[in-house]
Amino acid sequence: MGFVVFISIVIYIVIGGIIGWIAGAIMKSQGNTLFNVIVGIVGSILGSLVFGLVGLGNLPGWIQSITGACLLIFLARLIKRS
């Protein structure tokens, strides 16, 4: 059981990094690798939540994840400017 949990965490980090990198490229963000992983993981959760709330939870997960990560970068920029 411990090995499965470990592999799951590694997969979440790798996929989060890829999603964060794609979102960073779309939004032209200058974040580092750690930032991309965090944005990817949190953005995936945010995207799933937002799409679920508006009734579009049946879209592919990668679309929800990238959109959520882009939204997170956008919100971070708004907060940073304030």
C-alpha atoms as a PDB file:
ATOM      1  CA  MET A   1       0.000   0.000   0.000  1.00  0.00           C
ATOM      2  CA  GLY A   2       2.810   2.444   0.822  1.00  0.00           C
ATOM      3  CA  PHE A   3       4.420   1.986  -2.589  1.00  0.00           C
ATOM      4  CA  VAL A   4       1.130   2.748  -4.366  1.00  0.00           C
ATOM      5  CA  VAL A   5       0.715   5.957  -2.365  1.00  0.00           C
ATOM      6  CA  PHE A   6       4.297   6.970  -3.164  1.00  0.00           C
ATOM      7  CA  ILE A   7       3.814   6.359  -6.893  1.00  0.00           C
ATOM      8  CA  SER A   8       0.518   8.279  -6.824  1.00  0.00           C
ATOM      9  CA  ILE A   9       2.210  11.288  -5.235  1.00  0.00           C
ATOM     10  CA  VAL A  10       5.024  11.174  -7.801  1.00  0.00           C
ATOM     11  CA  ILE A  11       2.479  11.014 -10.639  1.00  0.00           C
ATOM     12  CA  TYR A  12       0.540  13.982  -9.204  1.00  0.00           C
ATOM     13  CA  ILE A  13       3.758  16.012  -9.006  1.00  0.00           C
ATOM     14  CA  VAL A  14       4.850  15.113 -12.551  1.00  0.00           C
ATOM     15  CA  ILE A  15       1.423  15.780 -14.071  1.00  0.00           C
ATOM     16  CA  GLY A  16       1.099  18.959 -11.993  1.00  0.00           C
ATOM     17  CA  GLY A  17       4.435  20.129 -13.368  1.00  0.00           C
ATOM     18  CA  ILE A  18       3.357  19.446 -16.940  1.00  0.00           C
ATOM     19  CA  ILE A  19      -0.006  21.180 -16.465  1.00  0.00           C
ATOM     20  CA  GLY A  20       1.713  24.133 -14.750  1.00  0.00           C
ATOM     21  CA  TRP A  21       4.294  24.357 -17.533  1.00  0.00           C
ATOM     22  CA  ILE A  22       1.562  24.382 -20.224  1.00  0.00           C
ATOM     23  CA  ALA A  23      -0.439  27.009 -18.340  1.00  0.00           C
ATOM     24  CA  GLY A  24       2.709  29.073 -17.817  1.00  0.00           C
ATOM     25  CA  ALA A  25       3.447  28.938 -21.549  1.00  0.00           C
ATOM     26  CA  ILE A  26      -0.116  29.961 -22.409  1.00  0.00           C
ATOM     27  CA  MET A  27      -0.103  32.820 -19.896  1.00  0.00           C
ATOM     28  CA  LYS A  28       3.570  33.717 -20.576  1.00  0.00           C
ATOM     29  CA  SER A  29       4.427  33.278 -16.896  1.00  0.00           C
ATOM     30  CA  GLN A  30       8.029  33.420 -15.682  1.00  0.00           C
ATOM     31  CA  GLY A  31       7.568  30.906 -12.848  1.00  0.00           C
ATOM     32  CA  ASN A  32      10.182  28.338 -11.887  1.00  0.00           C
ATOM     33  CA  THR A  33       9.676  24.568 -11.719  1.00  0.00           C
ATOM     34  CA  LEU A  34       8.326  24.559  -8.159  1.00  0.00           C
ATOM     35  CA  PHE A  35       5.879  27.323  -9.062  1.00  0.00           C
ATOM     36  CA  ASN A  36       4.724  25.325 -12.106  1.00  0.00           C
ATOM     37  CA  VAL A  37       4.106  22.199 -10.024  1.00  0.00           C
ATOM     38  CA  ILE A  38       2.128  24.118  -7.395  1.00  0.00           C
ATOM     39  CA  VAL A  39       0.134  26.018 -10.032  1.00  0.00           C
ATOM     40  CA  GLY A  40      -0.552  22.776 -11.892  1.00  0.00           C
ATOM     41  CA  ILE A  41      -1.809  20.870  -8.857  1.00  0.00           C
ATOM     42  CA  VAL A  42      -3.831  23.723  -7.321  1.00  0.00           C
ATOM     43  CA  GLY A  43      -5.063  24.808 -10.754  1.00  0.00           C
ATOM     44  CA  SER A  44      -6.292  21.289 -11.475  1.00  0.00           C
ATOM     45  CA  ILE A  45      -8.346  21.325  -8.300  1.00  0.00           C
ATOM     46  CA  LEU A  46      -9.624  24.828  -9.058  1.00  0.00           C
ATOM     47  CA  GLY A  47     -10.538  23.894 -12.632  1.00  0.00           C
ATOM     48  CA  SER A  48     -12.431  20.797 -11.540  1.00  0.00           C
ATOM     49  CA  LEU A  49     -14.332  22.823  -8.960  1.00  0.00           C
ATOM     50  CA  VAL A  50     -15.231  25.673 -11.332  1.00  0.00           C
ATOM     51  CA  PHE A  51     -16.271  23.408 -14.216  1.00  0.00           C
ATOM     52  CA  GLY A  52     -18.286  21.248 -11.829  1.00  0.00           C
ATOM     53  CA  LEU A  53     -20.111  24.268 -10.429  1.00  0.00           C
ATOM     54  CA  VAL A  54     -21.116  25.545 -13.863  1.00  0.00           C
ATOM     55  CA  GLY A  55     -22.246  22.104 -15.020  1.00  0.00           C
ATOM     56  CA  LEU A  56     -19.346  21.350 -17.346  1.00  0.00           C
ATOM     57  CA  GLY A  57     -17.710  18.691 -15.201  1.00  0.00           C
ATOM     58  CA  ASN A  58     -17.907  16.206 -18.062  1.00  0.00           C
ATOM     59  CA  LEU A  59     -15.132  17.952 -20.040  1.00  0.00           C
ATOM     60  CA  PRO A  60     -11.805  16.101 -20.229  1.00  0.00           C
ATOM     61  CA  GLY A  61      -9.713  16.511 -17.092  1.00  0.00           C
ATOM     62  CA  TRP A  62      -6.714  17.980 -18.906  1.00  0.00           C
ATOM     63  CA  ILE A  63      -8.866  20.825 -20.244  1.00  0.00           C
ATOM     64  CA  GLN A  64     -10.206  21.527 -16.759  1.00  0.00           C
ATOM     65  CA  SER A  65      -6.703  21.366 -15.292  1.00  0.00           C
ATOM     66  CA  ILE A  66      -5.043  23.691 -17.799  1.00  0.00           C
ATOM     67  CA  THR A  67      -7.929  26.161 -17.633  1.00  0.00           C
ATOM     68  CA  GLY A  68      -7.837  26.123 -13.825  1.00  0.00           C
ATOM     69  CA  ALA A  69      -4.071  26.669 -13.798  1.00  0.00           C
ATOM     70  CA  CYS A  70      -4.414  29.581 -16.234  1.00  0.00           C
ATOM     71  CA  LEU A  71      -7.142  31.038 -14.030  1.00  0.00           C
ATOM     72  CA  LEU A  72      -4.878  30.685 -11.005  1.00  0.00           C
ATOM     73  CA  ILE A  73      -2.032  32.524 -12.774  1.00  0.00           C
ATOM     74  CA  PHE A  74      -4.475  35.262 -13.798  1.00  0.00           C
ATOM     75  CA  LEU A  75      -5.741  35.633 -10.216  1.00  0.00           C
ATOM     76  CA  ALA A  76      -2.173  35.687  -8.871  1.00  0.00           C
ATOM     77  CA  ARG A  77      -1.331  38.509 -11.281  1.00  0.00           C
ATOM     78  CA  LEU A  78      -4.376  40.478 -10.154  1.00  0.00           C
ATOM     79  CA  ILE A  79      -3.393  40.088  -6.503  1.00  0.00           C
ATOM     80  CA  LYS A  80       0.245  40.961  -7.227  1.00  0.00           C
ATOM     81  CA  ARG A  81      -0.755  44.197  -8.978  1.00  0.00           C
ATOM     82  CA  SER A  82      -2.943  45.329  -6.086  1.00  0.00           C
END
